C-alpha atoms as a PDB file:
ATOM      1  CA  MET A   1       2.030  13.484 -14.102  1.00  0.00           C
ATOM      2  CA  ILE A   2       2.585  10.754 -11.513  1.00  0.00           C
ATOM      3  CA  GLY A   3       1.210   7.244 -11.863  1.00  0.00           C
ATOM      4  CA  VAL A   4      -0.059   5.451  -8.765  1.00  0.00           C
ATOM      5  CA  LEU A   5      -0.905   1.749  -8.763  1.00  0.00           C
ATOM      6  CA  ASP A   6      -2.469  -0.803  -6.457  1.00  0.00           C
ATOM      7  CA  SER A   7      -4.667  -3.865  -6.704  1.00  0.00           C
ATOM      8  CA  GLY A   8      -7.740  -1.940  -5.544  1.00  0.00           C
ATOM      9  CA  VAL A   9      -8.994   0.972  -3.455  1.00  0.00           C
ATOM     10  CA  GLY A  10      -6.284   0.583  -0.823  1.00  0.00           C
ATOM     11  CA  GLY A  11      -3.842   2.636  -2.863  1.00  0.00           C
ATOM     12  CA  LEU A  12      -6.187   5.595  -2.569  1.00  0.00           C
ATOM     13  CA  SER A  13      -4.924   6.038   1.004  1.00  0.00           C
ATOM     14  CA  VAL A  14      -1.492   6.724  -0.512  1.00  0.00           C
ATOM     15  CA  LEU A  15      -2.963   8.905  -3.243  1.00  0.00           C
ATOM     16  CA  ALA A  16      -4.654  11.029  -0.570  1.00  0.00           C
ATOM     17  CA  GLU A  17      -1.289  11.638   1.109  1.00  0.00           C
ATOM     18  CA  LEU A  18       0.328  12.414  -2.244  1.00  0.00           C
ATOM     19  CA  LYS A  19      -2.401  14.982  -2.973  1.00  0.00           C
ATOM     20  CA  LYS A  20      -1.741  16.656   0.378  1.00  0.00           C
ATOM     21  CA  ALA A  21       1.976  16.802  -0.354  1.00  0.00           C
ATOM     22  CA  LEU A  22       1.661  17.847  -4.020  1.00  0.00           C
ATOM     23  CA  PRO A  23      -1.761  19.499  -4.470  1.00  0.00           C
ATOM     24  CA  ASN A  24      -0.964  20.919  -7.918  1.00  0.00           C
ATOM     25  CA  GLN A  25       0.518  17.738  -9.354  1.00  0.00           C
ATOM     26  CA  ASN A  26      -1.495  15.570 -11.797  1.00  0.00           C
ATOM     27  CA  PHE A  27      -2.105  11.944 -10.815  1.00  0.00           C
ATOM     28  CA  THR A  28      -3.242   8.864 -12.711  1.00  0.00           C
ATOM     29  CA  PHE A  29      -4.401   6.008 -10.471  1.00  0.00           C
ATOM     30  CA  PHE A  30      -4.688   2.407 -11.653  1.00  0.00           C
ATOM     31  CA  GLY A  31      -6.556  -0.158  -9.554  1.00  0.00           C
ATOM     32  CA  ASP A  32      -6.012  -3.716 -10.806  1.00  0.00           C
ATOM     33  CA  THR A  33      -9.409  -4.906  -9.644  1.00  0.00           C
ATOM     34  CA  LYS A  34      -9.361  -7.899 -12.002  1.00  0.00           C
ATOM     35  CA  ASN A  35      -6.489  -9.458 -10.080  1.00  0.00           C
ATOM     36  CA  ILE A  36      -7.196  -8.367  -6.515  1.00  0.00           C
ATOM     37  CA  PRO A  37      -5.911  -9.376  -3.993  1.00  0.00           C
ATOM     38  CA  TYR A  38      -2.209  -9.386  -4.891  1.00  0.00           C
ATOM     39  CA  GLY A  39      -1.298 -10.729  -1.465  1.00  0.00           C
ATOM     40  CA  THR A  40      -2.325 -14.286  -2.300  1.00  0.00           C
ATOM     41  CA  LYS A  41      -0.703 -14.350  -5.749  1.00  0.00           C
ATOM     42  CA  SER A  42       2.699 -15.739  -6.772  1.00  0.00           C
ATOM     43  CA  LYS A  43       5.739 -13.552  -7.342  1.00  0.00           C
ATOM     44  CA  GLU A  44       5.527 -14.280 -11.066  1.00  0.00           C
ATOM     45  CA  GLU A  45       1.886 -13.231 -11.249  1.00  0.00           C
ATOM     46  CA  ILE A  46       2.507 -10.009  -9.337  1.00  0.00           C
ATOM     47  CA  PHE A  47       5.425  -9.157 -11.621  1.00  0.00           C
ATOM     48  CA  LEU A  48       3.263  -9.694 -14.711  1.00  0.00           C
ATOM     49  CA  TYR A  49       0.284  -7.713 -13.410  1.00  0.00           C
ATOM     50  CA  THR A  50       2.466  -4.773 -12.409  1.00  0.00           C
ATOM     51  CA  LYS A  51       4.513  -4.875 -15.622  1.00  0.00           C
ATOM     52  CA  ASN A  52       1.305  -4.537 -17.622  1.00  0.00           C
ATOM     53  CA  ILE A  53       0.257  -1.483 -15.610  1.00  0.00           C
ATOM     54  CA  LEU A  54       3.675   0.128 -15.996  1.00  0.00           C
ATOM     55  CA  GLU A  55       3.508  -0.401 -19.751  1.00  0.00           C
ATOM     56  CA  PHE A  56       0.080   1.267 -19.707  1.00  0.00           C
ATOM     57  CA  PHE A  57       1.604   4.224 -17.860  1.00  0.00           C
ATOM     58  CA  LEU A  58       4.411   4.441 -20.411  1.00  0.00           C
ATOM     59  CA  GLU A  59       1.826   4.613 -23.210  1.00  0.00           C
ATOM     60  CA  LYS A  60       0.428   7.657 -21.405  1.00  0.00           C
ATOM     61  CA  ASN A  61       3.942   9.109 -21.126  1.00  0.00           C
ATOM     62  CA  ILE A  62       3.978   8.699 -17.341  1.00  0.00           C
ATOM     63  CA  LYS A  63       7.523   8.137 -16.144  1.00  0.00           C
ATOM     64  CA  ASN A  64       7.226   8.654 -12.385  1.00  0.00           C
ATOM     65  CA  VAL A  65       5.284   5.868 -10.677  1.00  0.00           C
ATOM     66  CA  VAL A  66       4.398   5.223  -7.042  1.00  0.00           C
ATOM     67  CA  PHE A  67       3.896   1.629  -5.931  1.00  0.00           C
ATOM     68  CA  ALA A  68       0.968   2.222  -3.548  1.00  0.00           C
ATOM     69  CA  CYS A  69       1.099  -1.496  -2.831  1.00  0.00           C
ATOM     70  CA  ASN A  70       3.234  -3.184  -0.191  1.00  0.00           C
ATOM     71  CA  THR A  71       3.007  -6.571  -1.890  1.00  0.00           C
ATOM     72  CA  THR A  72       4.384  -5.324  -5.201  1.00  0.00           C
ATOM     73  CA  SER A  73       7.118  -3.400  -3.393  1.00  0.00           C
ATOM     74  CA  ALA A  74       8.007  -6.523  -1.403  1.00  0.00           C
ATOM     75  CA  VAL A  75       8.208  -9.152  -4.119  1.00  0.00           C
ATOM     76  CA  ALA A  76       8.596  -7.460  -7.513  1.00  0.00           C
ATOM     77  CA  TYR A  77      10.201  -4.031  -7.127  1.00  0.00           C
ATOM     78  CA  LEU A  78      13.808  -4.972  -7.849  1.00  0.00           C
ATOM     79  CA  GLU A  79      12.926  -6.984 -10.964  1.00  0.00           C
ATOM     80  CA  LEU A  80      10.606  -4.263 -12.270  1.00  0.00           C
ATOM     81  CA  LYS A  81      13.182  -1.565 -11.551  1.00  0.00           C
ATOM     82  CA  GLU A  82      15.664  -3.477 -13.697  1.00  0.00           C
ATOM     83  CA  TYR A  83      13.092  -4.262 -16.403  1.00  0.00           C
ATOM     84  CA  PHE A  84      12.115  -0.602 -16.798  1.00  0.00           C
ATOM     85  CA  LEU A  85      15.600   0.809 -16.186  1.00  0.00           C
ATOM     86  CA  ASN A  86      15.949   4.359 -17.566  1.00  0.00           C
ATOM     87  CA  LYS A  87      12.285   4.311 -18.624  1.00  0.00           C
ATOM     88  CA  ILE A  88      10.361   4.673 -15.366  1.00  0.00           C
ATOM     89  CA  ASN A  89      11.323   6.133 -11.993  1.00  0.00           C
ATOM     90  CA  ILE A  90       9.684   3.944  -9.339  1.00  0.00           C
ATOM     91  CA  PHE A  91       8.943   4.902  -5.719  1.00  0.00           C
ATOM     92  CA  PRO A  92       8.479   1.632  -3.746  1.00  0.00           C
ATOM     93  CA  LEU A  93       6.378   1.797  -0.594  1.00  0.00           C
ATOM     94  CA  ILE A  94       8.301  -0.479   1.768  1.00  0.00           C
ATOM     95  CA  GLN A  95      11.863   0.462   0.888  1.00  0.00           C
ATOM     96  CA  THR A  96      11.029   4.161   1.093  1.00  0.00           C
ATOM     97  CA  SER A  97       9.008   4.199   4.311  1.00  0.00           C
ATOM     98  CA  ALA A  98      10.352   1.394   6.523  1.00  0.00           C
ATOM     99  CA  PRO A  99      13.371   3.330   7.884  1.00  0.00           C
ATOM    100  CA  TYR A 100      10.955   5.883   9.387  1.00  0.00           C
ATOM    101  CA  ALA A 101       8.932   3.152  11.108  1.00  0.00           C
ATOM    102  CA  ILE A 102      11.494   2.567  13.847  1.00  0.00           C
ATOM    103  CA  VAL A 103      12.249   6.186  14.716  1.00  0.00           C
ATOM    104  CA  ASP A 104      12.259   6.589  18.528  1.00  0.00           C
ATOM    105  CA  LEU A 105      12.095   2.827  19.134  1.00  0.00           C
ATOM    106  CA  LYS A 106      14.716   1.375  21.486  1.00  0.00           C
ATOM    107  CA  ASP A 107      16.789  -1.789  21.339  1.00  0.00           C
ATOM    108  CA  ASN A 108      14.642  -4.858  22.065  1.00  0.00           C
ATOM    109  CA  ASP A 109      11.391  -2.983  21.419  1.00  0.00           C
ATOM    110  CA  THR A 110       8.916  -4.883  19.275  1.00  0.00           C
ATOM    111  CA  ILE A 111       7.294  -3.584  16.113  1.00  0.00           C
ATOM    112  CA  ALA A 112       4.505  -5.569  14.455  1.00  0.00           C
ATOM    113  CA  VAL A 113       3.810  -5.635  10.728  1.00  0.00           C
ATOM    114  CA  LEU A 114       0.250  -6.249   9.566  1.00  0.00           C
ATOM    115  CA  ALA A 115       0.487  -7.412   5.950  1.00  0.00           C
ATOM    116  CA  THR A 116      -0.715  -9.711   3.194  1.00  0.00           C
ATOM    117  CA  LYS A 117       0.545 -13.265   2.926  1.00  0.00           C
ATOM    118  CA  ALA A 118       2.991 -12.357   0.138  1.00  0.00           C
ATOM    119  CA  THR A 119       4.439  -9.378   1.998  1.00  0.00           C
ATOM    120  CA  THR A 120       4.730 -11.373   5.217  1.00  0.00           C
ATOM    121  CA  LYS A 121       6.451 -14.234   3.415  1.00  0.00           C
ATOM    122  CA  SER A 122       8.924 -11.856   1.754  1.00  0.00           C
ATOM    123  CA  LYS A 123      10.136 -10.528   5.148  1.00  0.00           C
ATOM    124  CA  LYS A 124      10.942  -7.291   3.342  1.00  0.00           C
ATOM    125  CA  TYR A 125       9.968  -5.007   6.233  1.00  0.00           C
ATOM    126  CA  GLU A 126      12.076  -7.090   8.608  1.00  0.00           C
ATOM    127  CA  GLU A 127      15.001  -6.999   6.173  1.00  0.00           C
ATOM    128  CA  VAL A 128      14.983  -3.204   5.873  1.00  0.00           C
ATOM    129  CA  ILE A 129      14.471  -2.637   9.609  1.00  0.00           C
ATOM    130  CA  LYS A 130      17.172  -5.105  10.690  1.00  0.00           C
ATOM    131  CA  LYS A 131      19.711  -3.394   8.433  1.00  0.00           C
ATOM    132  CA  ILE A 132      19.190  -0.233  10.466  1.00  0.00           C
ATOM    133  CA  ASN A 133      18.864  -1.796  13.937  1.00  0.00           C
ATOM    134  CA  GLU A 134      19.181  -5.550  14.289  1.00  0.00           C
ATOM    135  CA  LYS A 135      18.070  -5.361  17.922  1.00  0.00           C
ATOM    136  CA  ILE A 136      14.520  -4.314  17.044  1.00  0.00           C
ATOM    137  CA  ASN A 137      12.131  -7.254  17.286  1.00  0.00           C
ATOM    138  CA  VAL A 138       9.896  -7.580  14.216  1.00  0.00           C
ATOM    139  CA  VAL A 139       6.687  -9.627  14.345  1.00  0.00           C
ATOM    140  CA  SER A 140       5.049 -10.177  10.964  1.00  0.00           C
ATOM    141  CA  ILE A 141       1.333 -10.977  11.015  1.00  0.00           C
ATOM    142  CA  ASP A 142      -0.449 -12.469   7.998  1.00  0.00           C
ATOM    143  CA  CYS A 143      -3.736 -10.576   7.704  1.00  0.00           C
ATOM    144  CA  THR A 144      -5.223 -12.424   4.747  1.00  0.00           C
ATOM    145  CA  GLY A 145      -8.863 -11.359   4.472  1.00  0.00           C
ATOM    146  CA  PHE A 146      -8.423  -7.724   5.520  1.00  0.00           C
ATOM    147  CA  VAL A 147      -8.271  -6.536   1.899  1.00  0.00           C
ATOM    148  CA  GLU A 148     -11.604  -8.185   1.134  1.00  0.00           C
ATOM    149  CA  ILE A 149     -13.156  -6.573   4.221  1.00  0.00           C
ATOM    150  CA  VAL A 150     -12.233  -3.144   2.872  1.00  0.00           C
ATOM    151  CA  GLU A 151     -13.084  -3.838  -0.770  1.00  0.00           C
ATOM    152  CA  ASN A 152     -16.455  -5.405   0.101  1.00  0.00           C
ATOM    153  CA  ARG A 153     -17.243  -2.933   2.891  1.00  0.00           C
ATOM    154  CA  THR A 154     -17.964  -5.670   5.466  1.00  0.00           C
ATOM    155  CA  TYR A 155     -16.525  -3.730   8.419  1.00  0.00           C
ATOM    156  CA  LYS A 156     -19.447  -4.406  10.739  1.00  0.00           C
ATOM    157  CA  GLU A 157     -19.933  -8.116  10.107  1.00  0.00           C
ATOM    158  CA  LYS A 158     -19.088 -10.421  13.024  1.00  0.00           C
ATOM    159  CA  LYS A 159     -16.897 -12.630  10.830  1.00  0.00           C
ATOM    160  CA  SER A 160     -14.815  -9.595   9.839  1.00  0.00           C
ATOM    161  CA  LEU A 161     -14.537  -8.242  13.369  1.00  0.00           C
ATOM    162  CA  ASP A 162     -13.539 -11.671  14.736  1.00  0.00           C
ATOM    163  CA  LEU A 163     -10.774 -11.977  12.139  1.00  0.00           C
ATOM    164  CA  ILE A 164      -9.472  -8.481  12.889  1.00  0.00           C
ATOM    165  CA  GLU A 165      -9.485  -9.097  16.643  1.00  0.00           C
ATOM    166  CA  ASP A 166      -7.617 -12.383  16.212  1.00  0.00           C
ATOM    167  CA  ARG A 167      -4.855 -10.738  14.165  1.00  0.00           C
ATOM    168  CA  ILE A 168      -4.475  -7.623  16.318  1.00  0.00           C
ATOM    169  CA  ASN A 169      -4.312  -9.729  19.471  1.00  0.00           C
ATOM    170  CA  ILE A 170      -1.098 -11.278  18.139  1.00  0.00           C
ATOM    171  CA  ALA A 171       0.544  -7.841  18.190  1.00  0.00           C
ATOM    172  CA  LYS A 172      -0.927  -7.231  21.642  1.00  0.00           C
ATOM    173  CA  LYS A 173       0.447 -10.546  22.914  1.00  0.00           C
ATOM    174  CA  HIS A 174       3.935  -9.528  21.779  1.00  0.00           C
ATOM    175  CA  ASN A 175       3.542  -6.106  23.466  1.00  0.00           C
ATOM    176  CA  ALA A 176       4.290  -4.305  20.191  1.00  0.00           C
ATOM    177  CA  LYS A 177       5.190  -0.660  20.735  1.00  0.00           C
ATOM    178  CA  ARG A 178       4.220   0.260  17.187  1.00  0.00           C
ATOM    179  CA  ILE A 179       2.269  -1.426  14.381  1.00  0.00           C
ATOM    180  CA  ILE A 180       3.047  -0.951  10.704  1.00  0.00           C
ATOM    181  CA  LEU A 181       0.047  -0.861   8.396  1.00  0.00           C
ATOM    182  CA  GLY A 182       1.766  -3.077   5.829  1.00  0.00           C
ATOM    183  CA  CYS A 183      -0.997  -2.932   3.243  1.00  0.00           C
ATOM    184  CA  THR A 184      -2.540   0.240   1.856  1.00  0.00           C
ATOM    185  CA  HIS A 185      -6.035  -1.076   2.586  1.00  0.00           C
ATOM    186  CA  TYR A 186      -5.359  -1.238   6.318  1.00  0.00           C
ATOM    187  CA  PRO A 187      -5.459   2.494   7.204  1.00  0.00           C
ATOM    188  CA  TYR A 188      -9.212   2.262   6.675  1.00  0.00           C
ATOM    189  CA  LEU A 189      -9.429  -0.241   9.545  1.00  0.00           C
ATOM    190  CA  VAL A 190      -7.355   1.660  12.109  1.00  0.00           C
ATOM    191  CA  ASP A 191     -10.340   2.817  14.167  1.00  0.00           C
ATOM    192  CA  ILE A 192     -11.292  -0.834  14.645  1.00  0.00           C
ATOM    193  CA  PHE A 193      -7.695  -1.791  15.419  1.00  0.00           C
ATOM    194  CA  ARG A 194      -7.430   0.874  18.128  1.00  0.00           C
ATOM    195  CA  LYS A 195     -10.468  -0.467  19.984  1.00  0.00           C
ATOM    196  CA  ILE A 196      -8.595  -3.751  20.357  1.00  0.00           C
ATOM    197  CA  TYR A 197      -5.064  -2.447  20.926  1.00  0.00           C
ATOM    198  CA  ASN A 198      -4.491   1.291  21.213  1.00  0.00           C
ATOM    199  CA  VAL A 199      -0.851   1.832  20.274  1.00  0.00           C
ATOM    200  CA  ASP A 200       1.031   3.814  17.627  1.00  0.00           C
ATOM    201  CA  TYR A 201      -0.028   2.794  14.105  1.00  0.00           C
ATOM    202  CA  PHE A 202       2.473   3.653  11.364  1.00  0.00           C
ATOM    203  CA  ASP A 203       1.078   4.539   7.931  1.00  0.00           C
ATOM    204  CA  PRO A 204       3.836   4.073   5.294  1.00  0.00           C
ATOM    205  CA  GLY A 205       1.915   6.155   2.752  1.00  0.00           C
ATOM    206  CA  ILE A 206       2.543   9.351   4.703  1.00  0.00           C
ATOM    207  CA  TYR A 207       6.316   8.917   4.564  1.00  0.00           C
ATOM    208  CA  LEU A 208       6.307   7.775   0.958  1.00  0.00           C
ATOM    209  CA  ALA A 209       4.476  10.977   0.025  1.00  0.00           C
ATOM    210  CA  ARG A 210       7.113  13.059   1.811  1.00  0.00           C
ATOM    211  CA  THR A 211       9.875  11.399  -0.217  1.00  0.00           C
ATOM    212  CA  VAL A 212       8.031  11.918  -3.497  1.00  0.00           C
ATOM    213  CA  LYS A 213       7.538  15.594  -2.592  1.00  0.00           C
ATOM    214  CA  GLU A 214      11.291  15.979  -2.106  1.00  0.00           C
ATOM    215  CA  GLN A 215      12.014  14.690  -5.616  1.00  0.00           C
ATOM    216  CA  ILE A 216       9.137  15.900  -7.785  1.00  0.00           C
ATOM    217  CA  ASP A 217       7.984  19.482  -8.260  1.00  0.00           C
ATOM    218  CA  ASN A 218       4.499  20.556  -7.252  1.00  0.00           C
ATOM    219  CA  VAL A 219       3.469  21.686 -10.728  1.00  0.00           C
ATOM    220  CA  GLY A 220       0.391  20.850 -12.779  1.00  0.00           C
ATOM    221  CA  GLN A 221      -3.343  21.444 -12.755  1.00  0.00           C
ATOM    222  CA  GLY A 222      -4.189  19.165  -9.845  1.00  0.00           C
ATOM    223  CA  LYS A 223      -5.926  16.688 -12.160  1.00  0.00           C
ATOM    224  CA  LEU A 224      -6.960  13.197 -11.080  1.00  0.00           C
ATOM    225  CA  GLU A 225      -7.893  10.309 -13.359  1.00  0.00           C
ATOM    226  CA  PHE A 226      -8.772   6.743 -12.417  1.00  0.00           C
ATOM    227  CA  PHE A 227      -8.495   3.461 -14.304  1.00  0.00           C
ATOM    228  CA  VAL A 228      -9.424  -0.074 -13.314  1.00  0.00           C
ATOM    229  CA  SER A 229      -9.133  -3.492 -14.923  1.00  0.00           C
ATOM    230  CA  LYS A 230     -12.603  -4.734 -13.850  1.00  0.00           C
ATOM    231  CA  ASN A 231     -15.889  -3.580 -12.315  1.00  0.00           C
ATOM    232  CA  PRO A 232     -15.485   0.223 -12.324  1.00  0.00           C
ATOM    233  CA  GLY A 233     -18.874   0.619 -10.655  1.00  0.00           C
ATOM    234  CA  GLU A 234     -17.855  -1.494  -7.666  1.00  0.00           C
ATOM    235  CA  PHE A 235     -14.526   0.309  -7.463  1.00  0.00           C
ATOM    236  CA  ILE A 236     -16.248   3.704  -7.354  1.00  0.00           C
ATOM    237  CA  LEU A 237     -18.691   2.473  -4.707  1.00  0.00           C
ATOM    238  CA  SER A 238     -15.896   1.205  -2.446  1.00  0.00           C
ATOM    239  CA  ALA A 239     -13.662   4.186  -3.166  1.00  0.00           C
ATOM    240  CA  LYS A 240     -16.307   6.771  -2.288  1.00  0.00           C
ATOM    241  CA  THR A 241     -15.967   5.769   1.342  1.00  0.00           C
ATOM    242  CA  PHE A 242     -12.428   7.097   1.264  1.00  0.00           C
ATOM    243  CA  PHE A 243     -11.990   9.371  -1.764  1.00  0.00           C
ATOM    244  CA  ASN A 244     -14.218  11.563  -3.933  1.00  0.00           C
ATOM    245  CA  ILE A 245     -14.366   9.635  -7.218  1.00  0.00           C
ATOM    246  CA  GLU A 246     -16.995  10.127  -9.912  1.00  0.00           C
ATOM    247  CA  ASN A 247     -15.539   8.126 -12.799  1.00  0.00           C
ATOM    248  CA  ALA A 248     -13.149   5.222 -13.361  1.00  0.00           C
ATOM    249  CA  ALA A 249     -12.333   4.072 -16.881  1.00  0.00           C
ATOM    250  CA  LEU A 250     -12.162   0.358 -17.655  1.00  0.00           C
ATOM    251  CA  VAL A 251      -8.888  -0.811 -19.241  1.00  0.00           C
ATOM    252  CA  ASN A 252      -8.412  -4.385 -20.434  1.00  0.00           C
ATOM    253  CA  LEU A 253      -4.747  -5.218 -19.821  1.00  0.00           C
END
């Protein structure tokens, strides 16, 4: 059994990739809908929210956990790894996938990172990328509001489209060769992004799933179970756009 966590439905984009990579494996997904979005929260709050979910996973004897959340990976992974040392094996999204994001890019090329405020502020993507090639230009773009667009299904509203265009035009202005989808909600907006700036969009979830596949056997019954901390009905409604979900159990953490 593998645990997968995020603040909402965004993490389902990672779960979908994990299911492709390990179709027989059992997965338990936790969406912390009570505290969404994580991207505007403090480091201390994100640590606490995620710690509570990891303790819930431990109660269910789940010891392999995927952080299907860039924000948690950016600001709380190291502390949580230490806190749950020898208890839980954690796969962090950014640290695992970022090295693949610059494959085939040349010195002085620009890569843009679309992310939440917390992830942008952490500069974690830039840190990992610069360790590999310091000559790659990294432009981080705060996309506060994108999570709510996905969660509330307001893709077609003018206010949403104006915000998306404004953010993507920053990457376009910098002539970014590739754009990292630095929040697991963002893959659901790629079709809109491409209409504004049609370049290579990098989905970290795909590469995270490959790494998990290398380390965990594809054994199980292919079971899926879903838990949320608030409004299971709304979660199911939003999730159905992207994943076939019939039930989500409410857990008060």
